[in-house]
Amino acid sequence: MSLVLLDFDAGGGLSDHATDGFVTVQVLDGEARMTTAGHEYPMPAGSLLVLTPGVKHDIVAVTPSRVLLSV
């Protein structure tokens, strides 16, 4: 398992990608938006999203945000 702490400015993020393992995305501070296969998930601070292997996703910070990613 890898843990990655990401700090995004508003509008920053990661473009569409997928991984071979389960992924959790937890917004620690700020607000972000995740998109997967046409579904959009607003993610305020404290929210957690779990993705199964192979699900394409992206994340964009709506406000400056700190996000914990585990793969």
PDB file of N, CA and C in Angstrom:
ATOM      1  N   MET A   1       0.839  -1.175   0.000  1.00  0.00           N
ATOM      2  CA  MET A   1       0.000   0.000   0.000  1.00  0.00           C
ATOM      3  C   MET A   1       0.881   1.234   0.000  1.00  0.00           C
ATOM      4  N   SER A   2       0.471   2.199  -0.770  1.00  0.00           N
ATOM      5  CA  SER A   2       1.157   3.488  -0.810  1.00  0.00           C
ATOM      6  C   SER A   2       0.193   4.567  -0.352  1.00  0.00           C
ATOM      7  N   LEU A   3       0.692   5.503   0.448  1.00  0.00           N
ATOM      8  CA  LEU A   3      -0.074   6.668   0.868  1.00  0.00           C
ATOM      9  C   LEU A   3       0.582   7.910   0.288  1.00  0.00           C
ATOM     10  N   VAL A   4      -0.238   8.760  -0.318  1.00  0.00           N
ATOM     11  CA  VAL A   4       0.281   9.976  -0.942  1.00  0.00           C
ATOM     12  C   VAL A   4      -0.560  11.151  -0.469  1.00  0.00           C
ATOM     13  N   LEU A   5       0.098  12.167   0.075  1.00  0.00           N
ATOM     14  CA  LEU A   5      -0.584  13.385   0.495  1.00  0.00           C
ATOM     15  C   LEU A   5      -0.431  14.407  -0.624  1.00  0.00           C
ATOM     16  N   LEU A   6      -1.550  14.876  -1.144  1.00  0.00           N
ATOM     17  CA  LEU A   6      -1.551  15.823  -2.261  1.00  0.00           C
ATOM     18  C   LEU A   6      -2.089  17.168  -1.788  1.00  0.00           C
ATOM     19  N   ASP A   7      -1.404  18.239  -2.151  1.00  0.00           N
ATOM     20  CA  ASP A   7      -1.861  19.610  -1.892  1.00  0.00           C
ATOM     21  C   ASP A   7      -2.169  20.247  -3.230  1.00  0.00           C
ATOM     22  N   PHE A   8      -3.411  20.650  -3.415  1.00  0.00           N
ATOM     23  CA  PHE A   8      -3.829  21.269  -4.674  1.00  0.00           C
ATOM     24  C   PHE A   8      -4.250  22.704  -4.448  1.00  0.00           C
ATOM     25  N   ASP A   9      -3.863  23.581  -5.365  1.00  0.00           N
ATOM     26  CA  ASP A   9      -4.455  24.909  -5.438  1.00  0.00           C
ATOM     27  C   ASP A   9      -5.833  24.747  -6.068  1.00  0.00           C
ATOM     28  N   ALA A  10      -6.700  25.731  -5.930  1.00  0.00           N
ATOM     29  CA  ALA A  10      -8.006  25.680  -6.591  1.00  0.00           C
ATOM     30  C   ALA A  10      -7.787  25.496  -8.091  1.00  0.00           C
ATOM     31  N   GLY A  11      -8.492  24.544  -8.678  1.00  0.00           N
ATOM     32  CA  GLY A  11      -8.357  24.245 -10.101  1.00  0.00           C
ATOM     33  C   GLY A  11      -7.307  23.200 -10.406  1.00  0.00           C
ATOM     34  N   GLY A  12      -6.459  22.865  -9.434  1.00  0.00           N
ATOM     35  CA  GLY A  12      -5.438  21.842  -9.637  1.00  0.00           C
ATOM     36  C   GLY A  12      -6.036  20.453  -9.484  1.00  0.00           C
ATOM     37  N   GLY A  13      -5.291  19.445  -9.902  1.00  0.00           N
ATOM     38  CA  GLY A  13      -5.781  18.079  -9.744  1.00  0.00           C
ATOM     39  C   GLY A  13      -4.977  17.084 -10.544  1.00  0.00           C
ATOM     40  N   LEU A  14      -5.568  15.928 -10.734  1.00  0.00           N
ATOM     41  CA  LEU A  14      -4.969  14.852 -11.521  1.00  0.00           C
ATOM     42  C   LEU A  14      -5.922  14.496 -12.642  1.00  0.00           C
ATOM     43  N   SER A  15      -5.392  14.367 -13.865  1.00  0.00           N
ATOM     44  CA  SER A  15      -6.237  14.056 -15.012  1.00  0.00           C
ATOM     45  C   SER A  15      -6.640  12.584 -15.012  1.00  0.00           C
ATOM     46  N   ASP A  16      -7.524  12.238 -15.908  1.00  0.00           N
ATOM     47  CA  ASP A  16      -8.107  10.903 -16.027  1.00  0.00           C
ATOM     48  C   ASP A  16      -7.037   9.809 -16.040  1.00  0.00           C
ATOM     49  N   HIS A  17      -7.154   8.854 -15.106  1.00  0.00           N
ATOM     50  CA  HIS A  17      -6.205   7.750 -15.008  1.00  0.00           C
ATOM     51  C   HIS A  17      -6.868   6.590 -14.265  1.00  0.00           C
ATOM     52  N   ALA A  18      -6.223   5.442 -14.230  1.00  0.00           N
ATOM     53  CA  ALA A  18      -6.724   4.263 -13.509  1.00  0.00           C
ATOM     54  C   ALA A  18      -5.539   3.537 -12.890  1.00  0.00           C
ATOM     55  N   THR A  19      -5.819   2.685 -11.900  1.00  0.00           N
ATOM     56  CA  THR A  19      -4.774   1.880 -11.274  1.00  0.00           C
ATOM     57  C   THR A  19      -5.215   0.419 -11.234  1.00  0.00           C
ATOM     58  N   ASP A  20      -4.261  -0.469 -10.978  1.00  0.00           N
ATOM     59  CA  ASP A  20      -4.550  -1.893 -10.923  1.00  0.00           C
ATOM     60  C   ASP A  20      -5.078  -2.339  -9.563  1.00  0.00           C
ATOM     61  N   GLY A  21      -5.069  -1.461  -8.579  1.00  0.00           N
ATOM     62  CA  GLY A  21      -5.509  -1.829  -7.234  1.00  0.00           C
ATOM     63  C   GLY A  21      -6.654  -0.964  -6.756  1.00  0.00           C
ATOM     64  N   PHE A  22      -7.153  -1.291  -5.578  1.00  0.00           N
ATOM     65  CA  PHE A  22      -8.171  -0.448  -4.951  1.00  0.00           C
ATOM     66  C   PHE A  22      -7.556   0.904  -4.619  1.00  0.00           C
ATOM     67  N   VAL A  23      -8.374   1.951  -4.665  1.00  0.00           N
ATOM     68  CA  VAL A  23      -7.930   3.315  -4.381  1.00  0.00           C
ATOM     69  C   VAL A  23      -8.911   3.925  -3.380  1.00  0.00           C
ATOM     70  N   THR A  24      -8.381   4.610  -2.378  1.00  0.00           N
ATOM     71  CA  THR A  24      -9.235   5.453  -1.540  1.00  0.00           C
ATOM     72  C   THR A  24      -8.742   6.884  -1.674  1.00  0.00           C
ATOM     73  N   VAL A  25      -9.695   7.790  -1.712  1.00  0.00           N
ATOM     74  CA  VAL A  25      -9.404   9.217  -1.804  1.00  0.00           C
ATOM     75  C   VAL A  25     -10.151   9.887  -0.659  1.00  0.00           C
ATOM     76  N   GLN A  26      -9.410  10.539   0.238  1.00  0.00           N
ATOM     77  CA  GLN A  26     -10.020  11.218   1.371  1.00  0.00           C
ATOM     78  C   GLN A  26      -9.625  12.687   1.338  1.00  0.00           C
ATOM     79  N   VAL A  27     -10.612  13.556   1.343  1.00  0.00           N
ATOM     80  CA  VAL A  27     -10.347  14.992   1.362  1.00  0.00           C
ATOM     81  C   VAL A  27     -10.189  15.418   2.820  1.00  0.00           C
ATOM     82  N   LEU A  28      -9.003  15.883   3.153  1.00  0.00           N
ATOM     83  CA  LEU A  28      -8.704  16.296   4.525  1.00  0.00           C
ATOM     84  C   LEU A  28      -9.083  17.754   4.776  1.00  0.00           C
ATOM     85  N   ASP A  29      -8.800  18.618   3.803  1.00  0.00           N
ATOM     86  CA  ASP A  29      -9.119  20.047   3.885  1.00  0.00           C
ATOM     87  C   ASP A  29      -9.590  20.514   2.520  1.00  0.00           C
ATOM     88  N   GLY A  30     -10.481  21.493   2.507  1.00  0.00           N
ATOM     89  CA  GLY A  30     -10.937  22.072   1.255  1.00  0.00           C
ATOM     90  C   GLY A  30     -12.100  21.311   0.650  1.00  0.00           C
ATOM     91  N   GLU A  31     -12.238  21.430  -0.657  1.00  0.00           N
ATOM     92  CA  GLU A  31     -13.314  20.761  -1.386  1.00  0.00           C
ATOM     93  C   GLU A  31     -12.804  20.361  -2.761  1.00  0.00           C
ATOM     94  N   ALA A  32     -13.098  19.128  -3.153  1.00  0.00           N
ATOM     95  CA  ALA A  32     -12.676  18.617  -4.456  1.00  0.00           C
ATOM     96  C   ALA A  32     -13.873  18.009  -5.183  1.00  0.00           C
ATOM     97  N   ARG A  33     -13.650  17.626  -6.426  1.00  0.00           N
ATOM     98  CA  ARG A  33     -14.675  16.974  -7.233  1.00  0.00           C
ATOM     99  C   ARG A  33     -14.025  15.796  -7.955  1.00  0.00           C
ATOM    100  N   MET A  34     -14.578  14.593  -7.771  1.00  0.00           N
ATOM    101  CA  MET A  34     -14.095  13.389  -8.459  1.00  0.00           C
ATOM    102  C   MET A  34     -15.069  13.058  -9.579  1.00  0.00           C
ATOM    103  N   THR A  35     -14.529  12.579 -10.696  1.00  0.00           N
ATOM    104  CA  THR A  35     -15.351  12.127 -11.808  1.00  0.00           C
ATOM    105  C   THR A  35     -14.922  10.730 -12.201  1.00  0.00           C
ATOM    106  N   THR A  36     -15.905   9.833 -12.342  1.00  0.00           N
ATOM    107  CA  THR A  36     -15.660   8.464 -12.788  1.00  0.00           C
ATOM    108  C   THR A  36     -16.757   8.088 -13.773  1.00  0.00           C
ATOM    109  N   ALA A  37     -16.379   7.646 -14.952  1.00  0.00           N
ATOM    110  CA  ALA A  37     -17.339   7.144 -15.949  1.00  0.00           C
ATOM    111  C   ALA A  37     -18.620   7.975 -16.028  1.00  0.00           C
ATOM    112  N   GLY A  38     -18.458   9.281 -16.095  1.00  0.00           N
ATOM    113  CA  GLY A  38     -19.616  10.150 -16.251  1.00  0.00           C
ATOM    114  C   GLY A  38     -20.341  10.500 -14.962  1.00  0.00           C
ATOM    115  N   HIS A  39     -19.910   9.974 -13.818  1.00  0.00           N
ATOM    116  CA  HIS A  39     -20.511  10.313 -12.534  1.00  0.00           C
ATOM    117  C   HIS A  39     -19.602  11.314 -11.830  1.00  0.00           C
ATOM    118  N   GLU A  40     -20.222  12.343 -11.281  1.00  0.00           N
ATOM    119  CA  GLU A  40     -19.458  13.368 -10.581  1.00  0.00           C
ATOM    120  C   GLU A  40     -19.785  13.308  -9.091  1.00  0.00           C
ATOM    121  N   TYR A  41     -18.742  13.350  -8.258  1.00  0.00           N
ATOM    122  CA  TYR A  41     -18.901  13.252  -6.817  1.00  0.00           C
ATOM    123  C   TYR A  41     -18.319  14.494  -6.151  1.00  0.00           C
ATOM    124  N   PRO A  42     -19.177  15.362  -5.563  1.00  0.00           N
ATOM    125  CA  PRO A  42     -18.639  16.467  -4.773  1.00  0.00           C
ATOM    126  C   PRO A  42     -18.011  15.893  -3.515  1.00  0.00           C
ATOM    127  N   MET A  43     -16.834  16.372  -3.157  1.00  0.00           N
ATOM    128  CA  MET A  43     -16.108  15.837  -2.011  1.00  0.00           C
ATOM    129  C   MET A  43     -15.660  16.958  -1.085  1.00  0.00           C
ATOM    130  N   PRO A  44     -16.508  17.319  -0.123  1.00  0.00           N
ATOM    131  CA  PRO A  44     -16.097  18.306   0.878  1.00  0.00           C
ATOM    132  C   PRO A  44     -15.113  17.667   1.857  1.00  0.00           C
ATOM    133  N   ALA A  45     -14.481  18.471   2.671  1.00  0.00           N
ATOM    134  CA  ALA A  45     -13.547  17.966   3.685  1.00  0.00           C
ATOM    135  C   ALA A  45     -14.230  16.893   4.525  1.00  0.00           C
ATOM    136  N   GLY A  46     -13.507  15.796   4.765  1.00  0.00           N
ATOM    137  CA  GLY A  46     -14.025  14.686   5.547  1.00  0.00           C
ATOM    138  C   GLY A  46     -14.622  13.573   4.720  1.00  0.00           C
ATOM    139  N   SER A  47     -14.812  13.789   3.421  1.00  0.00           N
ATOM    140  CA  SER A  47     -15.414  12.742   2.587  1.00  0.00           C
ATOM    141  C   SER A  47     -14.366  11.735   2.134  1.00  0.00           C
ATOM    142  N   LEU A  48     -14.833  10.529   1.843  1.00  0.00           N
ATOM    143  CA  LEU A  48     -13.977   9.414   1.436  1.00  0.00           C
ATOM    144  C   LEU A  48     -14.653   8.685   0.287  1.00  0.00           C
ATOM    145  N   LEU A  49     -13.888   8.376  -0.746  1.00  0.00           N
ATOM    146  CA  LEU A  49     -14.400   7.627  -1.899  1.00  0.00           C
ATOM    147  C   LEU A  49     -13.490   6.433  -2.124  1.00  0.00           C
ATOM    148  N   VAL A  50     -14.082   5.255  -2.317  1.00  0.00           N
ATOM    149  CA  VAL A  50     -13.334   4.026  -2.592  1.00  0.00           C
ATOM    150  C   VAL A  50     -13.618   3.611  -4.020  1.00  0.00           C
ATOM    151  N   LEU A  51     -12.546   3.344  -4.777  1.00  0.00           N
ATOM    152  CA  LEU A  51     -12.677   2.921  -6.174  1.00  0.00           C
ATOM    153  C   LEU A  51     -12.103   1.523  -6.344  1.00  0.00           C
ATOM    154  N   THR A  52     -12.783   0.707  -7.125  1.00  0.00           N
ATOM    155  CA  THR A  52     -12.294  -0.637  -7.417  1.00  0.00           C
ATOM    156  C   THR A  52     -11.209  -0.572  -8.493  1.00  0.00           C
ATOM    157  N   PRO A  53     -10.405  -1.619  -8.624  1.00  0.00           N
ATOM    158  CA  PRO A  53      -9.328  -1.624  -9.614  1.00  0.00           C
ATOM    159  C   PRO A  53      -9.849  -1.350 -11.032  1.00  0.00           C
ATOM    160  N   GLY A  54      -9.078  -0.568 -11.773  1.00  0.00           N
ATOM    161  CA  GLY A  54      -9.373  -0.305 -13.174  1.00  0.00           C
ATOM    162  C   GLY A  54     -10.369   0.806 -13.451  1.00  0.00           C
ATOM    163  N   VAL A  55     -10.946   1.428 -12.428  1.00  0.00           N
ATOM    164  CA  VAL A  55     -11.919   2.504 -12.639  1.00  0.00           C
ATOM    165  C   VAL A  55     -11.176   3.789 -12.996  1.00  0.00           C
ATOM    166  N   LYS A  56     -11.456   4.332 -14.181  1.00  0.00           N
ATOM    167  CA  LYS A  56     -10.847   5.602 -14.578  1.00  0.00           C
ATOM    168  C   LYS A  56     -11.472   6.719 -13.764  1.00  0.00           C
ATOM    169  N   HIS A  57     -10.623   7.639 -13.325  1.00  0.00           N
ATOM    170  CA  HIS A  57     -11.098   8.729 -12.486  1.00  0.00           C
ATOM    171  C   HIS A  57     -10.190   9.939 -12.624  1.00  0.00           C
ATOM    172  N   ASP A  58     -10.734  11.089 -12.265  1.00  0.00           N
ATOM    173  CA  ASP A  58      -9.915  12.292 -12.138  1.00  0.00           C
ATOM    174  C   ASP A  58     -10.386  13.058 -10.913  1.00  0.00           C
ATOM    175  N   ILE A  59      -9.561  13.986 -10.482  1.00  0.00           N
ATOM    176  CA  ILE A  59      -9.911  14.815  -9.331  1.00  0.00           C
ATOM    177  C   ILE A  59      -9.488  16.248  -9.621  1.00  0.00           C
ATOM    178  N   VAL A  60     -10.362  17.180  -9.239  1.00  0.00           N
ATOM    179  CA  VAL A  60     -10.090  18.612  -9.397  1.00  0.00           C
ATOM    180  C   VAL A  60     -10.437  19.293  -8.076  1.00  0.00           C
ATOM    181  N   ALA A  61      -9.555  20.141  -7.606  1.00  0.00           N
ATOM    182  CA  ALA A  61      -9.799  20.899  -6.387  1.00  0.00           C
ATOM    183  C   ALA A  61     -10.710  22.082  -6.699  1.00  0.00           C
ATOM    184  N   VAL A  62     -11.823  22.165  -5.997  1.00  0.00           N
ATOM    185  CA  VAL A  62     -12.736  23.293  -6.139  1.00  0.00           C
ATOM    186  C   VAL A  62     -12.171  24.492  -5.371  1.00  0.00           C
ATOM    187  N   THR A  63     -11.596  24.207  -4.211  1.00  0.00           N
ATOM    188  CA  THR A  63     -10.908  25.202  -3.388  1.00  0.00           C
ATOM    189  C   THR A  63      -9.522  24.624  -3.075  1.00  0.00           C
ATOM    190  N   PRO A  64      -8.596  25.403  -2.562  1.00  0.00           N
ATOM    191  CA  PRO A  64      -7.319  24.803  -2.154  1.00  0.00           C
ATOM    192  C   PRO A  64      -7.618  23.584  -1.249  1.00  0.00           C
ATOM    193  N   SER A  65      -6.996  22.467  -1.564  1.00  0.00           N
ATOM    194  CA  SER A  65      -7.366  21.212  -0.900  1.00  0.00           C
ATOM    195  C   SER A  65      -6.149  20.355  -0.571  1.00  0.00           C
ATOM    196  N   ARG A  66      -6.294  19.599   0.507  1.00  0.00           N
ATOM    197  CA  ARG A  66      -5.307  18.583   0.888  1.00  0.00           C
ATOM    198  C   ARG A  66      -6.049  17.244   0.813  1.00  0.00           C
ATOM    199  N   VAL A  67      -5.484  16.300   0.026  1.00  0.00           N
ATOM    200  CA  VAL A  67      -6.145  15.032  -0.253  1.00  0.00           C
ATOM    201  C   VAL A  67      -5.184  13.884   0.070  1.00  0.00           C
ATOM    202  N   LEU A  68      -5.695  12.881   0.779  1.00  0.00           N
ATOM    203  CA  LEU A  68      -4.908  11.690   1.085  1.00  0.00           C
ATOM    204  C   LEU A  68      -5.353  10.570   0.145  1.00  0.00           C
ATOM    205  N   LEU A  69      -4.401  10.069  -0.619  1.00  0.00           N
ATOM    206  CA  LEU A  69      -4.656   9.013  -1.605  1.00  0.00           C
ATOM    207  C   LEU A  69      -3.963   7.743  -1.111  1.00  0.00           C
ATOM    208  N   SER A  70      -4.691   6.645  -1.110  1.00  0.00           N
ATOM    209  CA  SER A  70      -4.065   5.367  -0.791  1.00  0.00           C
ATOM    210  C   SER A  70      -4.343   4.386  -1.918  1.00  0.00           C
ATOM    211  N   VAL A  71      -3.280   3.673  -2.317  1.00  0.00           N
ATOM    212  CA  VAL A  71      -3.363   2.705  -3.408  1.00  0.00           C
ATOM    213  C   VAL A  71      -2.759   1.408  -2.930  1.00  0.00           C
TER     214      VAL A  71
END
